[in-house]
Amino acid sequence: LICRGCSHASTEREVGENRQPTCPFCRHPTPKTQDEANVSFKKRVAANDPDALCVMGTEHFVKEDYVGAFEYWTKAAEP
């Protein structure tokens, strides 16, 4: 994970140098549309990214799919 300070510094540097914003972790360009963001998020879930799995768990919980939420949160907690 990247701390907020490092993320902020990366954003400030990109703005100051008039560069396209990138992810401070992987350096890929940030999504420009919600559809692009959804595709990127699905890739992170498929890659078993714990943060993405936690978000999926929360989305299932909000929809009252407690079994699905528990499955995603359990998978997120696995080493």
N, C-alpha and C. Protein backbone atom coordinates (compact mmCIF):
# COMPACT_ATOMS: atom_id res chain seq x y z
N LEU A 1 0.83 -1.18 0.00
CA LEU A 1 0.00 0.00 0.00
C LEU A 1 0.87 1.24 0.00
N ILE A 2 0.32 2.29 -0.50
CA ILE A 2 1.03 3.56 -0.56
C ILE A 2 0.37 4.54 0.39
N CYS A 3 1.18 5.21 1.19
CA CYS A 3 0.61 6.15 2.15
C CYS A 3 0.03 7.36 1.42
N ARG A 4 -0.84 8.06 2.11
CA ARG A 4 -1.50 9.22 1.50
C ARG A 4 -0.50 10.32 1.14
N GLY A 5 0.53 10.45 1.94
CA GLY A 5 1.54 11.46 1.65
C GLY A 5 2.26 11.19 0.34
N CYS A 6 2.63 9.93 0.12
CA CYS A 6 3.30 9.57 -1.13
C CYS A 6 2.36 9.72 -2.32
N SER A 7 1.11 9.34 -2.12
CA SER A 7 0.12 9.49 -3.19
C SER A 7 -0.07 10.97 -3.52
N HIS A 8 -0.17 11.80 -2.49
CA HIS A 8 -0.34 13.24 -2.69
C HIS A 8 0.88 13.83 -3.40
N ALA A 9 2.08 13.43 -2.99
CA ALA A 9 3.31 13.94 -3.60
C ALA A 9 3.37 13.57 -5.08
N SER A 10 2.94 12.35 -5.39
CA SER A 10 2.93 11.90 -6.79
C SER A 10 1.97 12.77 -7.60
N THR A 11 0.79 13.02 -7.06
CA THR A 11 -0.20 13.85 -7.76
C THR A 11 0.32 15.27 -7.95
N GLU A 12 0.91 15.84 -6.91
CA GLU A 12 1.45 17.20 -7.01
C GLU A 12 2.54 17.28 -8.07
N ARG A 13 3.40 16.29 -8.13
CA ARG A 13 4.48 16.27 -9.11
C ARG A 13 3.91 16.22 -10.53
N GLU A 14 2.90 15.37 -10.73
CA GLU A 14 2.30 15.25 -12.05
C GLU A 14 1.63 16.55 -12.48
N VAL A 15 0.92 17.19 -11.55
CA VAL A 15 0.26 18.46 -11.86
C VAL A 15 1.30 19.53 -12.16
N GLY A 16 2.34 19.58 -11.33
CA GLY A 16 3.40 20.57 -11.52
C GLY A 16 4.15 20.42 -12.82
N GLU A 17 4.30 19.19 -13.28
CA GLU A 17 5.01 18.92 -14.52
C GLU A 17 4.05 18.78 -15.70
N ASN A 18 2.76 19.06 -15.46
CA ASN A 18 1.73 18.99 -16.51
C ASN A 18 1.71 17.63 -17.19
N ARG A 19 1.76 16.57 -16.37
CA ARG A 19 1.73 15.20 -16.89
C ARG A 19 0.38 14.58 -16.61
N GLN A 20 0.05 13.55 -17.37
CA GLN A 20 -1.19 12.82 -17.15
C GLN A 20 -1.11 12.09 -15.82
N PRO A 21 -2.18 12.17 -15.00
CA PRO A 21 -2.17 11.49 -13.70
C PRO A 21 -2.03 9.97 -13.86
N THR A 22 -1.25 9.38 -12.97
CA THR A 22 -1.05 7.93 -12.98
C THR A 22 -1.28 7.39 -11.58
N CYS A 23 -1.48 6.10 -11.51
CA CYS A 23 -1.60 5.42 -10.23
C CYS A 23 -0.23 5.47 -9.54
N PRO A 24 -0.17 5.92 -8.29
CA PRO A 24 1.13 5.97 -7.61
C PRO A 24 1.71 4.59 -7.33
N PHE A 25 0.89 3.56 -7.43
CA PHE A 25 1.36 2.20 -7.16
C PHE A 25 1.91 1.54 -8.43
N CYS A 26 1.11 1.53 -9.50
CA CYS A 26 1.53 0.80 -10.71
C CYS A 26 1.95 1.72 -11.85
N ARG A 27 1.72 3.01 -11.71
CA ARG A 27 2.09 4.03 -12.70
C ARG A 27 1.28 3.97 -14.00
N HIS A 28 0.21 3.20 -14.04
CA HIS A 28 -0.67 3.21 -15.21
C HIS A 28 -1.52 4.48 -15.16
N PRO A 29 -1.91 4.99 -16.32
CA PRO A 29 -2.76 6.18 -16.33
C PRO A 29 -4.06 5.93 -15.55
N THR A 30 -4.53 6.94 -14.85
CA THR A 30 -5.77 6.80 -14.11
C THR A 30 -6.94 6.76 -15.10
N PRO A 31 -7.98 6.02 -14.76
CA PRO A 31 -9.13 5.92 -15.67
C PRO A 31 -9.78 7.28 -15.91
N LYS A 32 -10.24 7.49 -17.14
CA LYS A 32 -10.89 8.76 -17.48
C LYS A 32 -12.40 8.66 -17.39
N THR A 33 -12.94 7.45 -17.46
CA THR A 33 -14.39 7.28 -17.39
C THR A 33 -14.72 6.25 -16.31
N GLN A 34 -15.98 6.23 -15.91
CA GLN A 34 -16.41 5.24 -14.92
C GLN A 34 -16.29 3.83 -15.48
N ASP A 35 -16.55 3.67 -16.77
CA ASP A 35 -16.42 2.35 -17.39
C ASP A 35 -14.98 1.85 -17.31
N GLU A 36 -14.02 2.73 -17.59
CA GLU A 36 -12.61 2.35 -17.47
C GLU A 36 -12.27 1.99 -16.02
N ALA A 37 -12.81 2.75 -15.09
CA ALA A 37 -12.55 2.47 -13.67
C ALA A 37 -13.13 1.12 -13.28
N ASN A 38 -14.32 0.80 -13.78
CA ASN A 38 -14.94 -0.50 -13.48
C ASN A 38 -14.11 -1.65 -14.03
N VAL A 39 -13.60 -1.51 -15.24
CA VAL A 39 -12.76 -2.55 -15.84
C VAL A 39 -11.50 -2.74 -15.00
N SER A 40 -10.89 -1.64 -14.60
CA SER A 40 -9.69 -1.71 -13.77
C SER A 40 -9.98 -2.38 -12.43
N PHE A 41 -11.12 -2.02 -11.83
CA PHE A 41 -11.50 -2.60 -10.55
C PHE A 41 -11.72 -4.11 -10.68
N LYS A 42 -12.38 -4.54 -11.74
CA LYS A 42 -12.63 -5.97 -11.95
C LYS A 42 -11.31 -6.73 -12.12
N LYS A 43 -10.33 -6.09 -12.76
CA LYS A 43 -9.01 -6.73 -12.89
C LYS A 43 -8.37 -6.91 -11.52
N ARG A 44 -8.52 -5.91 -10.65
CA ARG A 44 -7.94 -6.00 -9.31
C ARG A 44 -8.62 -7.10 -8.50
N VAL A 45 -9.94 -7.25 -8.67
CA VAL A 45 -10.66 -8.32 -7.98
C VAL A 45 -10.16 -9.67 -8.50
N ALA A 46 -10.02 -9.79 -9.81
CA ALA A 46 -9.55 -11.05 -10.41
C ALA A 46 -8.13 -11.39 -9.96
N ALA A 47 -7.34 -10.36 -9.66
CA ALA A 47 -5.97 -10.56 -9.20
C ALA A 47 -5.90 -10.80 -7.69
N ASN A 48 -7.07 -10.89 -7.05
CA ASN A 48 -7.15 -11.11 -5.60
C ASN A 48 -6.51 -10.00 -4.78
N ASP A 49 -6.64 -8.77 -5.25
CA ASP A 49 -6.17 -7.61 -4.51
C ASP A 49 -7.02 -7.47 -3.24
N PRO A 50 -6.43 -7.55 -2.05
CA PRO A 50 -7.21 -7.50 -0.82
C PRO A 50 -8.10 -6.26 -0.69
N ASP A 51 -7.62 -5.11 -1.13
CA ASP A 51 -8.43 -3.89 -1.05
C ASP A 51 -9.66 -4.00 -1.94
N ALA A 52 -9.48 -4.49 -3.16
CA ALA A 52 -10.60 -4.64 -4.09
C ALA A 52 -11.59 -5.68 -3.56
N LEU A 53 -11.07 -6.77 -2.99
CA LEU A 53 -11.95 -7.79 -2.42
C LEU A 53 -12.76 -7.24 -1.25
N CYS A 54 -12.14 -6.39 -0.45
CA CYS A 54 -12.86 -5.76 0.68
C CYS A 54 -13.99 -4.88 0.16
N VAL A 55 -13.71 -4.10 -0.88
CA VAL A 55 -14.75 -3.25 -1.46
C VAL A 55 -15.89 -4.11 -1.99
N MET A 56 -15.56 -5.20 -2.67
CA MET A 56 -16.60 -6.10 -3.19
C MET A 56 -17.43 -6.66 -2.04
N GLY A 57 -16.77 -7.03 -0.96
CA GLY A 57 -17.48 -7.54 0.21
C GLY A 57 -18.45 -6.51 0.76
N THR A 58 -18.00 -5.27 0.83
CA THR A 58 -18.86 -4.20 1.33
C THR A 58 -20.04 -3.97 0.40
N GLU A 59 -19.80 -4.02 -0.91
CA GLU A 59 -20.89 -3.85 -1.87
C GLU A 59 -21.94 -4.95 -1.70
N HIS A 60 -21.49 -6.18 -1.49
CA HIS A 60 -22.42 -7.28 -1.28
C HIS A 60 -23.17 -7.11 0.05
N PHE A 61 -22.47 -6.64 1.06
CA PHE A 61 -23.10 -6.43 2.37
C PHE A 61 -24.22 -5.39 2.27
N VAL A 62 -23.95 -4.29 1.56
CA VAL A 62 -24.94 -3.23 1.40
C VAL A 62 -26.19 -3.77 0.69
N LYS A 63 -25.97 -4.71 -0.23
CA LYS A 63 -27.09 -5.32 -0.95
C LYS A 63 -27.74 -6.44 -0.14
N GLU A 64 -27.33 -6.58 1.10
CA GLU A 64 -27.82 -7.60 2.03
C GLU A 64 -27.50 -9.03 1.58
N ASP A 65 -26.44 -9.17 0.80
CA ASP A 65 -25.92 -10.49 0.42
C ASP A 65 -24.80 -10.80 1.40
N TYR A 66 -25.18 -11.23 2.59
CA TYR A 66 -24.21 -11.42 3.67
C TYR A 66 -23.27 -12.59 3.41
N VAL A 67 -23.75 -13.62 2.76
CA VAL A 67 -22.90 -14.77 2.44
C VAL A 67 -21.82 -14.33 1.45
N GLY A 68 -22.23 -13.61 0.40
CA GLY A 68 -21.26 -13.11 -0.58
C GLY A 68 -20.26 -12.17 0.04
N ALA A 69 -20.75 -11.30 0.93
CA ALA A 69 -19.86 -10.36 1.61
C ALA A 69 -18.82 -11.11 2.44
N PHE A 70 -19.28 -12.10 3.18
CA PHE A 70 -18.38 -12.88 4.02
C PHE A 70 -17.32 -13.59 3.17
N GLU A 71 -17.74 -14.11 2.02
CA GLU A 71 -16.79 -14.81 1.13
C GLU A 71 -15.70 -13.85 0.62
N TYR A 72 -16.09 -12.65 0.19
CA TYR A 72 -15.10 -11.69 -0.29
C TYR A 72 -14.19 -11.23 0.84
N TRP A 73 -14.76 -10.95 2.01
CA TRP A 73 -13.93 -10.49 3.13
C TRP A 73 -12.98 -11.60 3.60
N THR A 74 -13.45 -12.84 3.58
CA THR A 74 -12.58 -13.95 3.96
C THR A 74 -11.44 -14.09 2.97
N LYS A 75 -11.74 -13.99 1.69
CA LYS A 75 -10.70 -14.10 0.67
C LYS A 75 -9.70 -12.95 0.79
N ALA A 76 -10.20 -11.76 1.15
CA ALA A 76 -9.32 -10.61 1.32
C ALA A 76 -8.36 -10.80 2.48
N ALA A 77 -8.78 -11.56 3.48
CA ALA A 77 -7.96 -11.75 4.68
C ALA A 77 -6.94 -12.88 4.53
N GLU A 78 -7.08 -13.68 3.48
CA GLU A 78 -6.16 -14.80 3.30
C GLU A 78 -4.79 -14.28 2.90
N PRO A 79 -3.75 -14.97 3.37
CA PRO A 79 -2.38 -14.52 3.02
C PRO A 79 -2.03 -14.74 1.57
